[in-house]
Amino acid sequence: MKIGVISDTHGFLDPRVQRLFAGVDHILHAGDIGDPMIEFELRLIAPVTAVLGNNDAGLPFKETEVVSLAEKKFLVHHIINPRALPEEINARIQREQPAVVVFGHTHKQFCEVMADILFFNPGYAGKPKFGAERSVALLNVENGAIVPKFISL
């Protein structure tokens, strides 16, 4: 199974995303969507699980979502510091036991296994800014293994 992962679009969906995510089975958007049309456009590619970011007031999404894909559980939440989990998020992670925690907010790629959980941030996918690295990612679930791939925009 191939999963597209995106975050921090801030109201801008790079036109390359449609091609980069072609053939994915599901898309995870880790917040700061910025415009509900982004989620609609992504749904034209594949089913989407999206969460609220700190800039998404008024959008119809939850702060945290848990979805099972390819027999793996994915917890999606916008603001997470894997090295200093807030009590509420830590309790949810303990309860849900996800294989992967997908997050955004920092605008920086992150991929590290901690306590048998892959913490994953695809990076910033919004409008080009001077010097800001932009990216999306793919998570391939093959034979029970999760293989991440960052893609620069």
C-alpha atoms as a PDB file:
ATOM      1  CA  MET A   1       0.000   0.000   0.000  1.00  0.00           C
ATOM      2  CA  LYS A   2       1.220   3.479  -0.876  1.00  0.00           C
ATOM      3  CA  ILE A   3       0.251   6.426   1.358  1.00  0.00           C
ATOM      4  CA  GLY A   4       0.767  10.075   0.423  1.00  0.00           C
ATOM      5  CA  VAL A   5       1.686  12.314   3.344  1.00  0.00           C
ATOM      6  CA  ILE A   6       1.396  16.097   3.284  1.00  0.00           C
ATOM      7  CA  SER A   7       1.263  18.920   5.807  1.00  0.00           C
ATOM      8  CA  ASP A   8       1.244  22.671   6.150  1.00  0.00           C
ATOM      9  CA  THR A   9      -0.272  23.528   2.780  1.00  0.00           C
ATOM     10  CA  HIS A  10      -1.581  26.819   4.219  1.00  0.00           C
ATOM     11  CA  GLY A  11      -4.168  27.173   1.448  1.00  0.00           C
ATOM     12  CA  PHE A  12      -1.856  26.241  -1.453  1.00  0.00           C
ATOM     13  CA  LEU A  13      -1.740  22.847  -3.154  1.00  0.00           C
ATOM     14  CA  ASP A  14       1.326  22.608  -5.356  1.00  0.00           C
ATOM     15  CA  PRO A  15       0.200  21.425  -8.806  1.00  0.00           C
ATOM     16  CA  ARG A  16       2.907  18.721  -8.740  1.00  0.00           C
ATOM     17  CA  VAL A  17       1.189  16.947  -5.836  1.00  0.00           C
ATOM     18  CA  GLN A  18      -1.407  15.374  -8.124  1.00  0.00           C
ATOM     19  CA  ARG A  19       1.352  13.721 -10.174  1.00  0.00           C
ATOM     20  CA  LEU A  20       3.490  12.824  -7.141  1.00  0.00           C
ATOM     21  CA  PHE A  21       0.545  11.197  -5.360  1.00  0.00           C
ATOM     22  CA  ALA A  22      -0.822   9.452  -8.466  1.00  0.00           C
ATOM     23  CA  GLY A  23      -1.534   5.841  -7.536  1.00  0.00           C
ATOM     24  CA  VAL A  24      -1.531   6.318  -3.767  1.00  0.00           C
ATOM     25  CA  ASP A  25      -4.176   4.374  -1.870  1.00  0.00           C
ATOM     26  CA  HIS A  26      -4.714   6.996   0.849  1.00  0.00           C
ATOM     27  CA  ILE A  27      -3.529  10.504   1.765  1.00  0.00           C
ATOM     28  CA  LEU A  28      -2.755  11.785   5.269  1.00  0.00           C
ATOM     29  CA  HIS A  29      -2.793  15.581   5.751  1.00  0.00           C
ATOM     30  CA  ALA A  30      -1.228  16.583   9.065  1.00  0.00           C
ATOM     31  CA  GLY A  31      -2.859  19.982   9.414  1.00  0.00           C
ATOM     32  CA  ASP A  32      -2.584  23.657   8.568  1.00  0.00           C
ATOM     33  CA  ILE A  33      -4.696  22.892   5.531  1.00  0.00           C
ATOM     34  CA  GLY A  34      -5.682  26.534   5.161  1.00  0.00           C
ATOM     35  CA  ASP A  35      -8.584  26.054   2.734  1.00  0.00           C
ATOM     36  CA  PRO A  36     -11.152  23.220   2.655  1.00  0.00           C
ATOM     37  CA  MET A  37     -10.708  23.043  -1.146  1.00  0.00           C
ATOM     38  CA  ILE A  38      -7.274  21.495  -0.519  1.00  0.00           C
ATOM     39  CA  GLU A  39      -8.883  18.452   1.088  1.00  0.00           C
ATOM     40  CA  PHE A  40     -11.427  18.292  -1.761  1.00  0.00           C
ATOM     41  CA  GLU A  41      -8.656  18.389  -4.393  1.00  0.00           C
ATOM     42  CA  LEU A  42      -6.716  15.677  -2.565  1.00  0.00           C
ATOM     43  CA  ARG A  43      -9.874  13.498  -2.438  1.00  0.00           C
ATOM     44  CA  LEU A  44      -9.857  13.542  -6.239  1.00  0.00           C
ATOM     45  CA  ILE A  45      -6.584  11.596  -5.980  1.00  0.00           C
ATOM     46  CA  ALA A  46      -7.383   9.189  -3.099  1.00  0.00           C
ATOM     47  CA  PRO A  47      -9.315   8.995   0.196  1.00  0.00           C
ATOM     48  CA  VAL A  48      -8.020  11.541   2.714  1.00  0.00           C
ATOM     49  CA  THR A  49      -7.591  11.628   6.474  1.00  0.00           C
ATOM     50  CA  ALA A  50      -6.932  15.234   7.532  1.00  0.00           C
ATOM     51  CA  VAL A  51      -6.605  16.998  10.881  1.00  0.00           C
ATOM     52  CA  LEU A  52      -6.821  20.573  12.096  1.00  0.00           C
ATOM     53  CA  GLY A  53      -3.701  22.637  12.384  1.00  0.00           C
ATOM     54  CA  ASN A  54      -3.228  25.700  14.558  1.00  0.00           C
ATOM     55  CA  ASN A  55      -4.161  27.896  11.555  1.00  0.00           C
ATOM     56  CA  ASP A  56      -7.333  25.982  10.623  1.00  0.00           C
ATOM     57  CA  ALA A  57      -9.959  27.636  12.834  1.00  0.00           C
ATOM     58  CA  GLY A  58     -13.440  26.986  11.509  1.00  0.00           C
ATOM     59  CA  LEU A  59     -12.537  24.055   9.271  1.00  0.00           C
ATOM     60  CA  PRO A  60     -14.553  20.836   9.756  1.00  0.00           C
ATOM     61  CA  PHE A  61     -11.771  18.515  10.865  1.00  0.00           C
ATOM     62  CA  LYS A  62     -10.767  16.917  14.171  1.00  0.00           C
ATOM     63  CA  GLU A  63      -7.545  17.678  16.036  1.00  0.00           C
ATOM     64  CA  THR A  64      -6.540  14.012  16.012  1.00  0.00           C
ATOM     65  CA  GLU A  65      -7.462  11.139  13.716  1.00  0.00           C
ATOM     66  CA  VAL A  66      -6.573   7.464  13.877  1.00  0.00           C
ATOM     67  CA  VAL A  67      -6.842   5.373  10.731  1.00  0.00           C
ATOM     68  CA  SER A  68      -5.911   1.758   9.976  1.00  0.00           C
ATOM     69  CA  LEU A  69      -4.224   1.199   6.628  1.00  0.00           C
ATOM     70  CA  ALA A  70      -2.505  -1.983   5.460  1.00  0.00           C
ATOM     71  CA  GLU A  71      -3.023  -3.521   8.907  1.00  0.00           C
ATOM     72  CA  LYS A  72      -1.078  -0.638  10.507  1.00  0.00           C
ATOM     73  CA  LYS A  73      -2.527   2.074  12.709  1.00  0.00           C
ATOM     74  CA  PHE A  74      -1.665   5.720  11.923  1.00  0.00           C
ATOM     75  CA  LEU A  75      -2.281   8.531  14.419  1.00  0.00           C
ATOM     76  CA  VAL A  76      -2.360  11.993  12.801  1.00  0.00           C
ATOM     77  CA  HIS A  77      -2.041  15.191  14.878  1.00  0.00           C
ATOM     78  CA  HIS A  78      -0.626  18.567  13.847  1.00  0.00           C
ATOM     79  CA  ILE A  79       1.612  19.691  16.721  1.00  0.00           C
ATOM     80  CA  ILE A  80       3.804  16.980  18.196  1.00  0.00           C
ATOM     81  CA  ASN A  81       7.263  17.104  19.680  1.00  0.00           C
ATOM     82  CA  PRO A  82       8.302  13.434  19.697  1.00  0.00           C
ATOM     83  CA  ARG A  83      10.924  14.099  22.372  1.00  0.00           C
ATOM     84  CA  ALA A  84       8.493  15.884  24.719  1.00  0.00           C
ATOM     85  CA  LEU A  85       4.999  14.521  24.212  1.00  0.00           C
ATOM     86  CA  PRO A  86       2.223  16.385  26.025  1.00  0.00           C
ATOM     87  CA  GLU A  87       0.384  14.171  28.507  1.00  0.00           C
ATOM     88  CA  GLU A  88      -2.848  14.150  26.460  1.00  0.00           C
ATOM     89  CA  ILE A  89      -1.124  13.038  23.232  1.00  0.00           C
ATOM     90  CA  ASN A  90       1.067  10.541  25.048  1.00  0.00           C
ATOM     91  CA  ALA A  91      -2.041   8.989  26.641  1.00  0.00           C
ATOM     92  CA  ARG A  92      -3.728   8.770  23.223  1.00  0.00           C
ATOM     93  CA  ILE A  93      -0.647   7.134  21.722  1.00  0.00           C
ATOM     94  CA  GLN A  94      -0.518   4.628  24.604  1.00  0.00           C
ATOM     95  CA  ARG A  95      -4.212   3.860  24.158  1.00  0.00           C
ATOM     96  CA  GLU A  96      -4.182   3.588  20.340  1.00  0.00           C
ATOM     97  CA  GLN A  97      -0.762   1.898  19.959  1.00  0.00           C
ATOM     98  CA  PRO A  98      -0.126   3.277  16.440  1.00  0.00           C
ATOM     99  CA  ALA A  99       2.697   2.057  14.239  1.00  0.00           C
ATOM    100  CA  VAL A 100       3.118   5.612  12.918  1.00  0.00           C
ATOM    101  CA  VAL A 101       2.486   9.091  14.325  1.00  0.00           C
ATOM    102  CA  VAL A 102       2.194  11.643  11.514  1.00  0.00           C
ATOM    103  CA  PHE A 103       2.552  15.309  12.390  1.00  0.00           C
ATOM    104  CA  GLY A 104       3.379  18.693  10.877  1.00  0.00           C
ATOM    105  CA  HIS A 105       3.728  22.246  12.249  1.00  0.00           C
ATOM    106  CA  THR A 106       7.540  22.519  12.270  1.00  0.00           C
ATOM    107  CA  HIS A 107       7.824  22.771   8.467  1.00  0.00           C
ATOM    108  CA  LYS A 108      10.765  20.353   8.749  1.00  0.00           C
ATOM    109  CA  GLN A 109      11.053  16.737   7.705  1.00  0.00           C
ATOM    110  CA  PHE A 110      11.302  14.229  10.528  1.00  0.00           C
ATOM    111  CA  CYS A 111      11.593  10.454  10.427  1.00  0.00           C
ATOM    112  CA  GLU A 112      12.618   8.600  13.560  1.00  0.00           C
ATOM    113  CA  VAL A 113      11.551   5.453  15.377  1.00  0.00           C
ATOM    114  CA  MET A 114      11.048   5.924  19.111  1.00  0.00           C
ATOM    115  CA  ALA A 115       9.705   3.177  21.360  1.00  0.00           C
ATOM    116  CA  ASP A 116       8.761   1.125  18.272  1.00  0.00           C
ATOM    117  CA  ILE A 117       6.681   3.988  16.810  1.00  0.00           C
ATOM    118  CA  LEU A 118       7.664   5.823  13.629  1.00  0.00           C
ATOM    119  CA  PHE A 119       7.299   9.574  14.176  1.00  0.00           C
ATOM    120  CA  PHE A 120       6.972  11.172  10.753  1.00  0.00           C
ATOM    121  CA  ASN A 121       6.682  14.748   9.478  1.00  0.00           C
ATOM    122  CA  PRO A 122       6.566  15.183   5.675  1.00  0.00           C
ATOM    123  CA  GLY A 123       7.749  18.790   5.902  1.00  0.00           C
ATOM    124  CA  TYR A 124       6.268  21.998   4.532  1.00  0.00           C
ATOM    125  CA  ALA A 125       4.157  21.857   1.348  1.00  0.00           C
ATOM    126  CA  GLY A 126       2.783  25.426   1.215  1.00  0.00           C
ATOM    127  CA  LYS A 127       3.640  28.325  -1.069  1.00  0.00           C
ATOM    128  CA  PRO A 128       7.293  28.754  -1.948  1.00  0.00           C
ATOM    129  CA  LYS A 129       9.056  31.030   0.509  1.00  0.00           C
ATOM    130  CA  PHE A 130      12.552  32.386   0.288  1.00  0.00           C
ATOM    131  CA  GLY A 131      14.856  29.622   1.477  1.00  0.00           C
ATOM    132  CA  ALA A 132      12.102  27.337   2.793  1.00  0.00           C
ATOM    133  CA  GLU A 133      12.542  23.695   1.863  1.00  0.00           C
ATOM    134  CA  ARG A 134       9.268  22.258   0.585  1.00  0.00           C
ATOM    135  CA  SER A 135       8.326  18.597   0.513  1.00  0.00           C
ATOM    136  CA  VAL A 136       5.713  15.882   0.661  1.00  0.00           C
ATOM    137  CA  ALA A 137       6.290  12.195   1.356  1.00  0.00           C
ATOM    138  CA  LEU A 138       5.249   8.664   0.581  1.00  0.00           C
ATOM    139  CA  LEU A 139       4.971   5.811   3.043  1.00  0.00           C
ATOM    140  CA  ASN A 140       5.056   2.414   1.355  1.00  0.00           C
ATOM    141  CA  VAL A 141       3.788  -0.431   3.479  1.00  0.00           C
ATOM    142  CA  GLU A 142       5.351  -3.605   2.095  1.00  0.00           C
ATOM    143  CA  ASN A 143       5.328  -7.011   3.794  1.00  0.00           C
ATOM    144  CA  GLY A 144       4.618  -5.356   7.148  1.00  0.00           C
ATOM    145  CA  ALA A 145       7.493  -2.877   6.808  1.00  0.00           C
ATOM    146  CA  ILE A 146       6.979   0.880   6.418  1.00  0.00           C
ATOM    147  CA  VAL A 147       9.351   2.493   3.930  1.00  0.00           C
ATOM    148  CA  PRO A 148       9.378   6.328   3.973  1.00  0.00           C
ATOM    149  CA  LYS A 149      10.379   8.532   1.041  1.00  0.00           C
ATOM    150  CA  PHE A 150      10.586  12.322   1.116  1.00  0.00           C
ATOM    151  CA  ILE A 151       9.935  14.161  -2.164  1.00  0.00           C
ATOM    152  CA  SER A 152      11.152  17.732  -2.658  1.00  0.00           C
ATOM    153  CA  LEU A 153       8.787  20.243  -4.236  1.00  0.00           C
END
